[in-house]
């Protein structure tokens, strides 16, 4: 019977070469490690888009077209923030329901 589906290793001489997924025994372990990284990366991108929109807003000097594009960037960043929070909560709730996470928050 196969014990480690995701983390295979090969023995070469006296040493063993293992894959990058050593210690992962099922798909929930992988999900629990990848989701926080993706959410953190999305939060960093969100921060930079919000700052970019703020800088465009301040440097627009009252030009209507520049104000419109700056407002669109800020609005997109706020919508992105709401989607980021919702995706985090949904992920945690699903993980809690299926027993693959530590808790809801």
PDB file of N, CA and C in Angstrom:
ATOM      1  N   UNK A   1       0.845  -1.184   0.000  1.00  0.00           N
ATOM      2  CA  UNK A   1       0.000   0.000   0.000  1.00  0.00           C
ATOM      3  C   UNK A   1       0.888   1.245   0.000  1.00  0.00           C
ATOM      4  N   UNK A   2       0.500   2.255  -0.740  1.00  0.00           N
ATOM      5  CA  UNK A   2       1.262   3.499  -0.847  1.00  0.00           C
ATOM      6  C   UNK A   2       0.979   4.349   0.389  1.00  0.00           C
ATOM      7  N   UNK A   3       2.050   4.745   1.098  1.00  0.00           N
ATOM      8  CA  UNK A   3       1.896   5.551   2.304  1.00  0.00           C
ATOM      9  C   UNK A   3       1.885   7.042   1.991  1.00  0.00           C
ATOM     10  N   UNK A   4       2.836   7.496   1.197  1.00  0.00           N
ATOM     11  CA  UNK A   4       2.980   8.913   0.912  1.00  0.00           C
ATOM     12  C   UNK A   4       2.746   9.160  -0.568  1.00  0.00           C
ATOM     13  N   UNK A   5       1.563   9.620  -0.890  1.00  0.00           N
ATOM     14  CA  UNK A   5       1.207   9.835  -2.282  1.00  0.00           C
ATOM     15  C   UNK A   5       1.857  11.102  -2.811  1.00  0.00           C
ATOM     16  N   UNK A   6       1.934  12.156  -1.992  1.00  0.00           N
ATOM     17  CA  UNK A   6       2.393  13.451  -2.460  1.00  0.00           C
ATOM     18  C   UNK A   6       3.889  13.675  -2.261  1.00  0.00           C
ATOM     19  N   UNK A   7       4.530  12.903  -1.387  1.00  0.00           N
ATOM     20  CA  UNK A   7       5.928  13.158  -1.065  1.00  0.00           C
ATOM     21  C   UNK A   7       6.752  11.893  -1.289  1.00  0.00           C
ATOM     22  N   UNK A   8       7.132  11.686  -2.516  1.00  0.00           N
ATOM     23  CA  UNK A   8       7.955  10.527  -2.830  1.00  0.00           C
ATOM     24  C   UNK A   8       9.418  10.854  -2.582  1.00  0.00           C
ATOM     25  N   UNK A   9      10.198   9.823  -2.388  1.00  0.00           N
ATOM     26  CA  UNK A   9      11.633   9.996  -2.207  1.00  0.00           C
ATOM     27  C   UNK A   9      12.366   8.898  -2.957  1.00  0.00           C
ATOM     28  N   UNK A  10      13.623   9.157  -3.234  1.00  0.00           N
ATOM     29  CA  UNK A  10      14.445   8.161  -3.913  1.00  0.00           C
ATOM     30  C   UNK A  10      15.757   8.054  -3.146  1.00  0.00           C
ATOM     31  N   UNK A  11      16.202   6.850  -2.949  1.00  0.00           N
ATOM     32  CA  UNK A  11      17.446   6.619  -2.223  1.00  0.00           C
ATOM     33  C   UNK A  11      18.581   6.482  -3.224  1.00  0.00           C
ATOM     34  N   UNK A  12      19.588   7.347  -3.069  1.00  0.00           N
ATOM     35  CA  UNK A  12      20.767   7.337  -3.925  1.00  0.00           C
ATOM     36  C   UNK A  12      21.976   7.151  -3.019  1.00  0.00           C
ATOM     37  N   UNK A  13      22.570   5.983  -3.087  1.00  0.00           N
ATOM     38  CA  UNK A  13      23.718   5.702  -2.231  1.00  0.00           C
ATOM     39  C   UNK A  13      23.316   5.702  -0.768  1.00  0.00           C
ATOM     40  N   UNK A  14      23.968   6.560   0.013  1.00  0.00           N
ATOM     41  CA  UNK A  14      23.659   6.662   1.437  1.00  0.00           C
ATOM     42  C   UNK A  14      22.637   7.746   1.752  1.00  0.00           C
ATOM     43  N   UNK A  15      22.285   8.570   0.786  1.00  0.00           N
ATOM     44  CA  UNK A  15      21.362   9.666   1.046  1.00  0.00           C
ATOM     45  C   UNK A  15      20.040   9.456   0.312  1.00  0.00           C
ATOM     46  N   UNK A  16      19.034  10.144   0.790  1.00  0.00           N
ATOM     47  CA  UNK A  16      17.704  10.073   0.197  1.00  0.00           C
ATOM     48  C   UNK A  16      17.332  11.438  -0.362  1.00  0.00           C
ATOM     49  N   UNK A  17      16.904  11.460  -1.598  1.00  0.00           N
ATOM     50  CA  UNK A  17      16.441  12.691  -2.232  1.00  0.00           C
ATOM     51  C   UNK A  17      14.924  12.671  -2.158  1.00  0.00           C
ATOM     52  N   UNK A  18      14.367  13.723  -1.558  1.00  0.00           N
ATOM     53  CA  UNK A  18      12.918  13.787  -1.401  1.00  0.00           C
ATOM     54  C   UNK A  18      12.356  14.952  -2.196  1.00  0.00           C
ATOM     55  N   UNK A  19      11.090  14.873  -2.466  1.00  0.00           N
ATOM     56  CA  UNK A  19      10.399  15.926  -3.180  1.00  0.00           C
ATOM     57  C   UNK A  19      10.086  17.104  -2.270  1.00  0.00           C
ATOM     58  N   UNK A  20       9.532  18.174  -2.818  1.00  0.00           N
ATOM     59  CA  UNK A  20       9.258  19.367  -2.026  1.00  0.00           C
ATOM     60  C   UNK A  20       8.070  19.217  -1.084  1.00  0.00           C
ATOM     61  N   UNK A  21       7.318  18.155  -1.206  1.00  0.00           N
ATOM     62  CA  UNK A  21       6.121  17.999  -0.401  1.00  0.00           C
ATOM     63  C   UNK A  21       6.300  16.996   0.735  1.00  0.00           C
ATOM     64  N   UNK A  22       7.484  16.950   1.314  1.00  0.00           N
ATOM     65  CA  UNK A  22       7.743  16.041   2.427  1.00  0.00           C
ATOM     66  C   UNK A  22       6.926  16.493   3.631  1.00  0.00           C
ATOM     67  N   UNK A  23       6.281  15.568   4.273  1.00  0.00           N
ATOM     68  CA  UNK A  23       5.472  15.882   5.442  1.00  0.00           C
ATOM     69  C   UNK A  23       4.000  16.072   5.137  1.00  0.00           C
ATOM     70  N   UNK A  24       3.643  16.182   3.886  1.00  0.00           N
ATOM     71  CA  UNK A  24       2.247  16.307   3.501  1.00  0.00           C
ATOM     72  C   UNK A  24       1.694  14.913   3.246  1.00  0.00           C
ATOM     73  N   UNK A  25       0.646  14.562   3.953  1.00  0.00           N
ATOM     74  CA  UNK A  25       0.085  13.229   3.791  1.00  0.00           C
ATOM     75  C   UNK A  25      -1.228  13.238   3.028  1.00  0.00           C
ATOM     76  N   UNK A  26      -1.885  14.382   2.952  1.00  0.00           N
ATOM     77  CA  UNK A  26      -3.126  14.468   2.192  1.00  0.00           C
ATOM     78  C   UNK A  26      -3.287  15.873   1.619  1.00  0.00           C
ATOM     79  N   UNK A  27      -4.325  16.053   0.849  1.00  0.00           N
ATOM     80  CA  UNK A  27      -4.525  17.321   0.140  1.00  0.00           C
ATOM     81  C   UNK A  27      -4.852  18.459   1.096  1.00  0.00           C
ATOM     82  N   UNK A  28      -5.429  18.167   2.254  1.00  0.00           N
ATOM     83  CA  UNK A  28      -5.766  19.236   3.197  1.00  0.00           C
ATOM     84  C   UNK A  28      -4.511  19.879   3.771  1.00  0.00           C
ATOM     85  N   UNK A  29      -3.431  19.123   3.920  1.00  0.00           N
ATOM     86  CA  UNK A  29      -2.175  19.713   4.387  1.00  0.00           C
ATOM     87  C   UNK A  29      -1.646  20.728   3.385  1.00  0.00           C
ATOM     88  N   UNK A  30      -1.765  20.396   2.123  1.00  0.00           N
ATOM     89  CA  UNK A  30      -1.306  21.316   1.075  1.00  0.00           C
ATOM     90  C   UNK A  30      -2.169  22.570   1.059  1.00  0.00           C
ATOM     91  N   UNK A  31      -3.477  22.402   1.154  1.00  0.00           N
ATOM     92  CA  UNK A  31      -4.391  23.549   1.143  1.00  0.00           C
ATOM     93  C   UNK A  31      -4.136  24.448   2.342  1.00  0.00           C
ATOM     94  N   UNK A  32      -3.917  23.859   3.509  1.00  0.00           N
ATOM     95  CA  UNK A  32      -3.669  24.657   4.709  1.00  0.00           C
ATOM     96  C   UNK A  32      -2.377  25.453   4.625  1.00  0.00           C
ATOM     97  N   UNK A  33      -1.428  25.032   3.823  1.00  0.00           N
ATOM     98  CA  UNK A  33      -0.181  25.779   3.648  1.00  0.00           C
ATOM     99  C   UNK A  33      -0.266  26.808   2.524  1.00  0.00           C
ATOM    100  N   UNK A  34      -1.026  26.519   1.473  1.00  0.00           N
ATOM    101  CA  UNK A  34      -1.071  27.389   0.292  1.00  0.00           C
ATOM    102  C   UNK A  34      -2.029  28.562   0.468  1.00  0.00           C
ATOM    103  N   UNK A  35      -3.177  28.345   1.085  1.00  0.00           N
ATOM    104  CA  UNK A  35      -4.198  29.394   1.196  1.00  0.00           C
ATOM    105  C   UNK A  35      -3.693  30.624   1.952  1.00  0.00           C
ATOM    106  N   UNK A  36      -3.042  30.490   3.104  1.00  0.00           N
ATOM    107  CA  UNK A  36      -2.539  31.710   3.758  1.00  0.00           C
ATOM    108  C   UNK A  36      -1.524  32.481   2.913  1.00  0.00           C
ATOM    109  N   UNK A  37      -0.698  31.765   2.147  1.00  0.00           N
ATOM    110  CA  UNK A  37       0.259  32.434   1.269  1.00  0.00           C
ATOM    111  C   UNK A  37      -0.465  33.230   0.187  1.00  0.00           C
ATOM    112  N   UNK A  38      -1.470  32.636  -0.419  1.00  0.00           N
ATOM    113  CA  UNK A  38      -2.219  33.316  -1.486  1.00  0.00           C
ATOM    114  C   UNK A  38      -2.961  34.526  -0.941  1.00  0.00           C
ATOM    115  N   UNK A  39      -3.564  34.387   0.236  1.00  0.00           N
ATOM    116  CA  UNK A  39      -4.297  35.508   0.825  1.00  0.00           C
ATOM    117  C   UNK A  39      -3.328  36.625   1.207  1.00  0.00           C
ATOM    118  N   UNK A  40      -2.165  36.291   1.721  1.00  0.00           N
ATOM    119  CA  UNK A  40      -1.166  37.318   2.054  1.00  0.00           C
ATOM    120  C   UNK A  40      -0.676  38.040   0.806  1.00  0.00           C
ATOM    121  N   UNK A  41      -0.430  37.298  -0.258  1.00  0.00           N
ATOM    122  CA  UNK A  41      -0.002  37.904  -1.513  1.00  0.00           C
ATOM    123  C   UNK A  41      -1.091  38.829  -2.073  1.00  0.00           C
ATOM    124  N   UNK A  42      -2.335  38.396  -1.996  1.00  0.00           N
ATOM    125  CA  UNK A  42      -3.445  39.233  -2.467  1.00  0.00           C
ATOM    126  C   UNK A  42      -3.576  40.500  -1.626  1.00  0.00           C
ATOM    127  N   UNK A  43      -3.324  40.399  -0.325  1.00  0.00           N
ATOM    128  CA  UNK A  43      -3.394  41.584   0.536  1.00  0.00           C
ATOM    129  C   UNK A  43      -2.297  42.586   0.188  1.00  0.00           C
ATOM    130  N   UNK A  44      -1.111  42.097  -0.136  1.00  0.00           N
ATOM    131  CA  UNK A  44      -0.018  42.993  -0.522  1.00  0.00           C
ATOM    132  C   UNK A  44      -0.342  43.696  -1.838  1.00  0.00           C
ATOM    133  N   UNK A  45      -0.860  42.950  -2.801  1.00  0.00           N
ATOM    134  CA  UNK A  45      -1.247  43.552  -4.084  1.00  0.00           C
ATOM    135  C   UNK A  45      -2.361  44.568  -3.880  1.00  0.00           C
ATOM    136  N   UNK A  46      -3.314  44.240  -3.025  1.00  0.00           N
ATOM    137  CA  UNK A  46      -4.413  45.152  -2.709  1.00  0.00           C
ATOM    138  C   UNK A  46      -3.890  46.458  -2.118  1.00  0.00           C
ATOM    139  N   UNK A  47      -2.938  46.356  -1.213  1.00  0.00           N
ATOM    140  CA  UNK A  47      -2.356  47.549  -0.600  1.00  0.00           C
ATOM    141  C   UNK A  47      -1.721  48.458  -1.649  1.00  0.00           C
ATOM    142  N   UNK A  48      -0.960  47.860  -2.569  1.00  0.00           N
ATOM    143  CA  UNK A  48      -0.299  48.674  -3.586  1.00  0.00           C
ATOM    144  C   UNK A  48      -1.293  49.307  -4.563  1.00  0.00           C
ATOM    145  N   UNK A  49      -2.365  48.617  -4.886  1.00  0.00           N
ATOM    146  CA  UNK A  49      -3.379  49.207  -5.767  1.00  0.00           C
ATOM    147  C   UNK A  49      -4.080  50.363  -5.066  1.00  0.00           C
ATOM    148  N   UNK A  50      -4.356  50.201  -3.778  1.00  0.00           N
ATOM    149  CA  UNK A  50      -4.987  51.280  -3.015  1.00  0.00           C
ATOM    150  C   UNK A  50      -4.060  52.494  -2.927  1.00  0.00           C
ATOM    151  N   UNK A  51      -2.777  52.261  -2.710  1.00  0.00           N
ATOM    152  CA  UNK A  51      -1.823  53.365  -2.661  1.00  0.00           C
ATOM    153  C   UNK A  51      -1.691  54.042  -4.024  1.00  0.00           C
ATOM    154  N   UNK A  52      -1.690  53.243  -5.084  1.00  0.00           N
ATOM    155  CA  UNK A  52      -1.595  53.784  -6.437  1.00  0.00           C
ATOM    156  C   UNK A  52      -2.801  54.679  -6.733  1.00  0.00           C
ATOM    157  N   UNK A  53      -3.989  54.223  -6.367  1.00  0.00           N
ATOM    158  CA  UNK A  53      -5.183  55.044  -6.562  1.00  0.00           C
ATOM    159  C   UNK A  53      -5.139  56.311  -5.729  1.00  0.00           C
ATOM    160  N   UNK A  54      -4.635  56.227  -4.500  1.00  0.00           N
ATOM    161  CA  UNK A  54      -4.520  57.413  -3.653  1.00  0.00           C
ATOM    162  C   UNK A  54      -3.530  58.424  -4.206  1.00  0.00           C
ATOM    163  N   UNK A  55      -2.415  57.927  -4.704  1.00  0.00           N
ATOM    164  CA  UNK A  55      -1.422  58.835  -5.304  1.00  0.00           C
ATOM    165  C   UNK A  55      -1.986  59.490  -6.561  1.00  0.00           C
ATOM    166  N   UNK A  56      -2.688  58.724  -7.376  1.00  0.00           N
ATOM    167  CA  UNK A  56      -3.323  59.302  -8.572  1.00  0.00           C
ATOM    168  C   UNK A  56      -4.364  60.344  -8.188  1.00  0.00           C
ATOM    169  N   UNK A  57      -5.096  60.080  -7.106  1.00  0.00           N
ATOM    170  CA  UNK A  57      -6.131  61.018  -6.663  1.00  0.00           C
ATOM    171  C   UNK A  57      -5.506  62.336  -6.194  1.00  0.00           C
ATOM    172  N   UNK A  58      -4.442  62.246  -5.429  1.00  0.00           N
ATOM    173  CA  UNK A  58      -3.788  63.447  -4.907  1.00  0.00           C
ATOM    174  C   UNK A  58      -3.096  64.219  -6.024  1.00  0.00           C
ATOM    175  N   UNK A  59      -2.509  63.507  -6.975  1.00  0.00           N
ATOM    176  CA  UNK A  59      -1.770  64.190  -8.034  1.00  0.00           C
ATOM    177  C   UNK A  59      -2.622  64.541  -9.249  1.00  0.00           C
ATOM    178  N   UNK A  60      -3.935  64.356  -9.172  1.00  0.00           N
ATOM    179  CA  UNK A  60      -4.793  64.633 -10.325  1.00  0.00           C
ATOM    180  C   UNK A  60      -4.996  66.122 -10.561  1.00  0.00           C
ATOM    181  N   UNK A  61      -4.792  66.950  -9.560  1.00  0.00           N
ATOM    182  CA  UNK A  61      -4.934  68.400  -9.649  1.00  0.00           C
ATOM    183  C   UNK A  61      -6.316  68.810 -10.140  1.00  0.00           C
ATOM    184  N   UNK A  62      -7.325  68.049  -9.808  1.00  0.00           N
ATOM    185  CA  UNK A  62      -8.697  68.399 -10.143  1.00  0.00           C
ATOM    186  C   UNK A  62      -9.128  68.052 -11.548  1.00  0.00           C
ATOM    187  N   UNK A  63      -8.284  67.419 -12.332  1.00  0.00           N
ATOM    188  CA  UNK A  63      -8.664  67.030 -13.696  1.00  0.00           C
ATOM    189  C   UNK A  63      -9.724  65.925 -13.614  1.00  0.00           C
ATOM    190  N   UNK A  64     -10.881  66.123 -14.268  1.00  0.00           N
ATOM    191  CA  UNK A  64     -11.982  65.169 -14.122  1.00  0.00           C
ATOM    192  C   UNK A  64     -11.641  63.746 -14.588  1.00  0.00           C
ATOM    193  N   UNK A  65     -10.889  63.619 -15.662  1.00  0.00           N
ATOM    194  CA  UNK A  65     -10.554  62.283 -16.169  1.00  0.00           C
ATOM    195  C   UNK A  65      -9.604  61.548 -15.217  1.00  0.00           C
ATOM    196  N   UNK A  66      -8.635  62.271 -14.670  1.00  0.00           N
ATOM    197  CA  UNK A  66      -7.709  61.656 -13.716  1.00  0.00           C
ATOM    198  C   UNK A  66      -8.417  61.294 -12.415  1.00  0.00           C
ATOM    199  N   UNK A  67      -9.345  62.148 -11.981  1.00  0.00           N
ATOM    200  CA  UNK A  67     -10.121  61.832 -10.781  1.00  0.00           C
ATOM    201  C   UNK A  67     -10.975  60.586 -10.989  1.00  0.00           C
ATOM    202  N   UNK A  68     -11.530  60.463 -12.193  1.00  0.00           N
ATOM    203  CA  UNK A  68     -12.366  59.307 -12.499  1.00  0.00           C
ATOM    204  C   UNK A  68     -11.553  58.005 -12.455  1.00  0.00           C
ATOM    205  N   UNK A  69     -10.358  58.019 -13.046  1.00  0.00           N
ATOM    206  CA  UNK A  69      -9.533  56.807 -13.028  1.00  0.00           C
ATOM    207  C   UNK A  69      -9.017  56.504 -11.620  1.00  0.00           C
ATOM    208  N   UNK A  70      -8.696  57.555 -10.843  1.00  0.00           N
ATOM    209  CA  UNK A  70      -8.242  57.341  -9.468  1.00  0.00           C
ATOM    210  C   UNK A  70      -9.366  56.764  -8.621  1.00  0.00           C
ATOM    211  N   UNK A  71     -10.578  57.277  -8.789  1.00  0.00           N
ATOM    212  CA  UNK A  71     -11.735  56.734  -8.056  1.00  0.00           C
ATOM    213  C   UNK A  71     -12.007  55.295  -8.451  1.00  0.00           C
ATOM    214  N   UNK A  72     -11.808  54.969  -9.727  1.00  0.00           N
ATOM    215  CA  UNK A  72     -12.016  53.589 -10.175  1.00  0.00           C
ATOM    216  C   UNK A  72     -11.005  52.647  -9.526  1.00  0.00           C
ATOM    217  N   UNK A  73      -9.753  53.084  -9.402  1.00  0.00           N
ATOM    218  CA  UNK A  73      -8.732  52.257  -8.748  1.00  0.00           C
ATOM    219  C   UNK A  73      -9.045  52.054  -7.277  1.00  0.00           C
ATOM    220  N   UNK A  74      -9.458  53.119  -6.607  1.00  0.00           N
ATOM    221  CA  UNK A  74      -9.789  53.008  -5.185  1.00  0.00           C
ATOM    222  C   UNK A  74     -11.012  52.121  -4.993  1.00  0.00           C
ATOM    223  N   UNK A  75     -12.008  52.263  -5.857  1.00  0.00           N
ATOM    224  CA  UNK A  75     -13.200  51.421  -5.772  1.00  0.00           C
ATOM    225  C   UNK A  75     -12.858  49.958  -6.020  1.00  0.00           C
ATOM    226  N   UNK A  76     -12.010  49.709  -6.998  1.00  0.00           N
ATOM    227  CA  UNK A  76     -11.596  48.330  -7.270  1.00  0.00           C
ATOM    228  C   UNK A  76     -10.823  47.750  -6.087  1.00  0.00           C
ATOM    229  N   UNK A  77     -10.012  48.573  -5.430  1.00  0.00           N
ATOM    230  CA  UNK A  77      -9.269  48.101  -4.259  1.00  0.00           C
ATOM    231  C   UNK A  77     -10.208  47.771  -3.105  1.00  0.00           C
ATOM    232  N   UNK A  78     -11.224  48.587  -2.905  1.00  0.00           N
ATOM    233  CA  UNK A  78     -12.190  48.319  -1.826  1.00  0.00           C
ATOM    234  C   UNK A  78     -12.986  47.062  -2.128  1.00  0.00           C
ATOM    235  N   UNK A  79     -13.415  46.889  -3.369  1.00  0.00           N
ATOM    236  CA  UNK A  79     -14.123  45.657  -3.750  1.00  0.00           C
ATOM    237  C   UNK A  79     -13.199  44.451  -3.592  1.00  0.00           C
ATOM    238  N   UNK A  80     -11.948  44.610  -3.969  1.00  0.00           N
ATOM    239  CA  UNK A  80     -10.977  43.540  -3.779  1.00  0.00           C
ATOM    240  C   UNK A  80     -10.786  43.183  -2.319  1.00  0.00           C
ATOM    241  N   UNK A  81     -10.793  44.197  -1.437  1.00  0.00           N
ATOM    242  CA  UNK A  81     -10.670  43.946  -0.004  1.00  0.00           C
ATOM    243  C   UNK A  81     -11.857  43.143   0.509  1.00  0.00           C
ATOM    244  N   UNK A  82     -13.049  43.524   0.087  1.00  0.00           N
ATOM    245  CA  UNK A  82     -14.251  42.791   0.507  1.00  0.00           C
ATOM    246  C   UNK A  82     -14.195  41.350   0.008  1.00  0.00           C
ATOM    247  N   UNK A  83     -13.797  41.151  -1.237  1.00  0.00           N
ATOM    248  CA  UNK A  83     -13.686  39.795  -1.777  1.00  0.00           C
ATOM    249  C   UNK A  83     -12.597  38.997  -1.063  1.00  0.00           C
ATOM    250  N   UNK A  84     -11.508  39.648  -0.700  1.00  0.00           N
ATOM    251  CA  UNK A  84     -10.431  38.976   0.022  1.00  0.00           C
ATOM    252  C   UNK A  84     -10.895  38.502   1.396  1.00  0.00           C
ATOM    253  N   UNK A  85     -11.601  39.364   2.112  1.00  0.00           N
ATOM    254  CA  UNK A  85     -12.113  38.988   3.434  1.00  0.00           C
ATOM    255  C   UNK A  85     -13.137  37.875   3.313  1.00  0.00           C
ATOM    256  N   UNK A  86     -14.037  37.987   2.333  1.00  0.00           N
ATOM    257  CA  UNK A  86     -15.048  36.936   2.139  1.00  0.00           C
ATOM    258  C   UNK A  86     -14.407  35.604   1.757  1.00  0.00           C
ATOM    259  N   UNK A  87     -13.401  35.638   0.897  1.00  0.00           N
ATOM    260  CA  UNK A  87     -12.757  34.386   0.513  1.00  0.00           C
ATOM    261  C   UNK A  87     -12.032  33.753   1.694  1.00  0.00           C
ATOM    262  N   UNK A  88     -11.423  34.578   2.537  1.00  0.00           N
ATOM    263  CA  UNK A  88     -10.769  34.051   3.738  1.00  0.00           C
ATOM    264  C   UNK A  88     -11.787  33.393   4.662  1.00  0.00           C
ATOM    265  N   UNK A  89     -12.897  34.098   4.909  1.00  0.00           N
ATOM    266  CA  UNK A  89     -13.918  33.547   5.807  1.00  0.00           C
ATOM    267  C   UNK A  89     -14.549  32.280   5.246  1.00  0.00           C
ATOM    268  N   UNK A  90     -14.841  32.274   3.953  1.00  0.00           N
ATOM    269  CA  UNK A  90     -15.440  31.082   3.340  1.00  0.00           C
ATOM    270  C   UNK A  90     -14.472  29.911   3.405  1.00  0.00           C
ATOM    271  N   UNK A  91     -13.210  30.169   3.143  1.00  0.00           N
ATOM    272  CA  UNK A  91     -12.206  29.103   3.223  1.00  0.00           C
ATOM    273  C   UNK A  91     -12.119  28.538   4.628  1.00  0.00           C
ATOM    274  N   UNK A  92     -12.096  29.414   5.623  1.00  0.00           N
ATOM    275  CA  UNK A  92     -12.008  28.952   7.005  1.00  0.00           C
ATOM    276  C   UNK A  92     -13.267  28.197   7.433  1.00  0.00           C
ATOM    277  N   UNK A  93     -14.441  28.648   6.997  1.00  0.00           N
ATOM    278  CA  UNK A  93     -15.679  27.960   7.357  1.00  0.00           C
ATOM    279  C   UNK A  93     -15.730  26.576   6.717  1.00  0.00           C
ATOM    280  N   UNK A  94     -15.358  26.484   5.449  1.00  0.00           N
ATOM    281  CA  UNK A  94     -15.336  25.180   4.771  1.00  0.00           C
ATOM    282  C   UNK A  94     -14.315  24.261   5.425  1.00  0.00           C
ATOM    283  N   UNK A  95     -13.157  24.787   5.781  1.00  0.00           N
ATOM    284  CA  UNK A  95     -12.140  23.985   6.463  1.00  0.00           C
ATOM    285  C   UNK A  95     -12.651  23.504   7.824  1.00  0.00           C
ATOM    286  N   UNK A  96     -13.369  24.353   8.529  1.00  0.00           N
ATOM    287  CA  UNK A  96     -13.930  23.966   9.829  1.00  0.00           C
ATOM    288  C   UNK A  96     -14.992  22.886   9.665  1.00  0.00           C
ATOM    289  N   UNK A  97     -15.838  23.031   8.648  1.00  0.00           N
ATOM    290  CA  UNK A  97     -16.905  22.049   8.419  1.00  0.00           C
ATOM    291  C   UNK A  97     -16.332  20.679   8.088  1.00  0.00           C
ATOM    292  N   UNK A  98     -15.295  20.647   7.245  1.00  0.00           N
ATOM    293  CA  UNK A  98     -14.706  19.360   6.854  1.00  0.00           C
ATOM    294  C   UNK A  98     -13.611  18.889   7.803  1.00  0.00           C
ATOM    295  N   UNK A  99     -13.318  19.657   8.832  1.00  0.00           N
ATOM    296  CA  UNK A  99     -12.347  19.245   9.828  1.00  0.00           C
ATOM    297  C   UNK A  99     -10.911  19.286   9.372  1.00  0.00           C
ATOM    298  N   UNK A 100     -10.572  20.165   8.432  1.00  0.00           N
ATOM    299  CA  UNK A 100      -9.190  20.225   7.962  1.00  0.00           C
ATOM    300  C   UNK A 100      -8.482  21.481   8.443  1.00  0.00           C
ATOM    301  N   UNK A 101      -9.143  22.271   9.266  1.00  0.00           N
ATOM    302  CA  UNK A 101      -8.527  23.486   9.784  1.00  0.00           C
ATOM    303  C   UNK A 101      -8.560  23.493  11.298  1.00  0.00           C
ATOM    304  N   UNK A 102      -7.907  24.487  11.882  1.00  0.00           N
ATOM    305  CA  UNK A 102      -7.858  24.575  13.326  1.00  0.00           C
ATOM    306  C   UNK A 102      -9.078  25.251  13.916  1.00  0.00           C
ATOM    307  N   UNK A 103      -9.807  26.009  13.147  1.00  0.00           N
ATOM    308  CA  UNK A 103     -10.957  26.739  13.643  1.00  0.00           C
ATOM    309  C   UNK A 103     -11.406  27.752  12.611  1.00  0.00           C
ATOM    310  N   UNK A 104     -12.428  28.503  12.946  1.00  0.00           N
ATOM    311  CA  UNK A 104     -12.960  29.464  11.981  1.00  0.00           C
ATOM    312  C   UNK A 104     -12.033  30.663  11.862  1.00  0.00           C
ATOM    313  N   UNK A 105     -11.453  31.130  12.935  1.00  0.00           N
ATOM    314  CA  UNK A 105     -10.558  32.294  12.838  1.00  0.00           C
ATOM    315  C   UNK A 105      -9.230  32.021  13.451  1.00  0.00           C
TER     316      UNK A 105
END
